[in-house]
C-alpha cells in the first residue's frame, strides 16, 4: 500500500480517491486524476492536498492502480 501522506508518492496524472473538505465527517470519496499538488510540505498527517482535473480539491486517501 502506497503511503498517501508522503508528497513524494503523489504525482500529476495519478488516478486517486480524495476526500473533499465538506465530506471529511462522512468520509465520502471522490475519484479523479491529479492535476496539481497543493501541499508543499514533504508529508501531511491527513493526506496530501491535490486538485483534480475536474477542479475538485481534497486530500488523497487512496491511490488507484
C-alpha atoms as a PDB file:
ATOM      1  CA  UNK A   1       0.000   0.000   0.000  1.00  0.00           C
ATOM      2  CA  UNK A   2       1.426   3.362  -1.024  1.00  0.00           C
ATOM      3  CA  UNK A   3       1.526   5.997   1.739  1.00  0.00           C
ATOM      4  CA  UNK A   4      -0.723   8.880   0.628  1.00  0.00           C
ATOM      5  CA  UNK A   5       0.659  11.108   3.386  1.00  0.00           C
ATOM      6  CA  UNK A   6       4.043  11.403   1.627  1.00  0.00           C
ATOM      7  CA  UNK A   7       4.268  14.066  -1.100  1.00  0.00           C
ATOM      8  CA  UNK A   8       6.927  12.069  -2.987  1.00  0.00           C
ATOM      9  CA  UNK A   9       4.337   9.307  -3.654  1.00  0.00           C
ATOM     10  CA  UNK A  10       1.784  11.634  -5.300  1.00  0.00           C
ATOM     11  CA  UNK A  11       2.386  12.626  -8.924  1.00  0.00           C
ATOM     12  CA  UNK A  12       0.432  14.586 -11.520  1.00  0.00           C
ATOM     13  CA  UNK A  13      -1.553  12.146 -13.659  1.00  0.00           C
ATOM     14  CA  UNK A  14      -2.179   9.560 -10.934  1.00  0.00           C
ATOM     15  CA  UNK A  15      -5.702   8.169 -10.546  1.00  0.00           C
ATOM     16  CA  UNK A  16      -6.653   8.721  -6.898  1.00  0.00           C
ATOM     17  CA  UNK A  17      -9.501   8.899  -4.404  1.00  0.00           C
ATOM     18  CA  UNK A  18      -9.778  12.117  -2.397  1.00  0.00           C
ATOM     19  CA  UNK A  19     -11.947  13.326   0.454  1.00  0.00           C
ATOM     20  CA  UNK A  20     -13.225  16.873  -0.032  1.00  0.00           C
ATOM     21  CA  UNK A  21     -13.456  19.293   2.916  1.00  0.00           C
ATOM     22  CA  UNK A  22     -17.287  19.123   3.189  1.00  0.00           C
ATOM     23  CA  UNK A  23     -17.138  15.288   3.185  1.00  0.00           C
ATOM     24  CA  UNK A  24     -14.481  14.831   5.870  1.00  0.00           C
ATOM     25  CA  UNK A  25     -17.015  13.776   8.501  1.00  0.00           C
ATOM     26  CA  UNK A  26     -18.750  11.236   6.251  1.00  0.00           C
ATOM     27  CA  UNK A  27     -15.551  10.059   4.554  1.00  0.00           C
ATOM     28  CA  UNK A  28     -17.192  10.183   1.114  1.00  0.00           C
ATOM     29  CA  UNK A  29     -14.512   9.634  -1.528  1.00  0.00           C
ATOM     30  CA  UNK A  30     -14.266  11.177  -4.993  1.00  0.00           C
ATOM     31  CA  UNK A  31     -12.205   9.635  -7.806  1.00  0.00           C
ATOM     32  CA  UNK A  32     -10.158  11.591 -10.284  1.00  0.00           C
ATOM     33  CA  UNK A  33      -6.808  12.326 -11.897  1.00  0.00           C
ATOM     34  CA  UNK A  34      -4.339  14.603 -10.112  1.00  0.00           C
ATOM     35  CA  UNK A  35      -3.803  17.906 -11.935  1.00  0.00           C
ATOM     36  CA  UNK A  36      -1.853  19.834  -9.246  1.00  0.00           C
ATOM     37  CA  UNK A  37      -0.277  19.172  -5.863  1.00  0.00           C
ATOM     38  CA  UNK A  38      -1.307  21.844  -3.364  1.00  0.00           C
ATOM     39  CA  UNK A  39       0.585  20.675  -0.261  1.00  0.00           C
ATOM     40  CA  UNK A  40       4.146  21.992  -0.221  1.00  0.00           C
ATOM     41  CA  UNK A  41       5.471  20.118   2.830  1.00  0.00           C
ATOM     42  CA  UNK A  42       7.057  16.667   2.288  1.00  0.00           C
ATOM     43  CA  UNK A  43       4.265  14.971   4.282  1.00  0.00           C
ATOM     44  CA  UNK A  44       0.916  15.672   5.934  1.00  0.00           C
ATOM     45  CA  UNK A  45      -0.855  13.539   8.565  1.00  0.00           C
ATOM     46  CA  UNK A  46      -4.257  13.697   6.797  1.00  0.00           C
ATOM     47  CA  UNK A  47      -3.012  13.209   3.232  1.00  0.00           C
ATOM     48  CA  UNK A  48      -1.552  15.407   0.522  1.00  0.00           C
ATOM     49  CA  UNK A  49      -3.947  18.079  -0.767  1.00  0.00           C
ATOM     50  CA  UNK A  50      -4.420  17.987  -4.538  1.00  0.00           C
ATOM     51  CA  UNK A  51      -6.578  19.486  -7.251  1.00  0.00           C
ATOM     52  CA  UNK A  52      -8.131  17.020  -9.668  1.00  0.00           C
ATOM     53  CA  UNK A  53      -8.520  17.614 -13.408  1.00  0.00           C
ATOM     54  CA  UNK A  54     -12.220  18.206 -12.675  1.00  0.00           C
ATOM     55  CA  UNK A  55     -11.242  21.158 -10.459  1.00  0.00           C
ATOM     56  CA  UNK A  56     -12.225  19.493  -7.175  1.00  0.00           C
ATOM     57  CA  UNK A  57      -9.816  19.875  -4.250  1.00  0.00           C
ATOM     58  CA  UNK A  58      -9.240  17.396  -1.444  1.00  0.00           C
ATOM     59  CA  UNK A  59      -6.777  15.211   0.403  1.00  0.00           C
ATOM     60  CA  UNK A  60      -5.598  11.953  -1.172  1.00  0.00           C
ATOM     61  CA  UNK A  61      -6.851   8.876   0.668  1.00  0.00           C
ATOM     62  CA  UNK A  62      -6.096   6.126  -1.870  1.00  0.00           C
ATOM     63  CA  UNK A  63      -4.042   5.686  -5.000  1.00  0.00           C
ATOM     64  CA  UNK A  64      -5.819   3.501  -7.550  1.00  0.00           C
ATOM     65  CA  UNK A  65      -3.507   1.405  -9.689  1.00  0.00           C
END
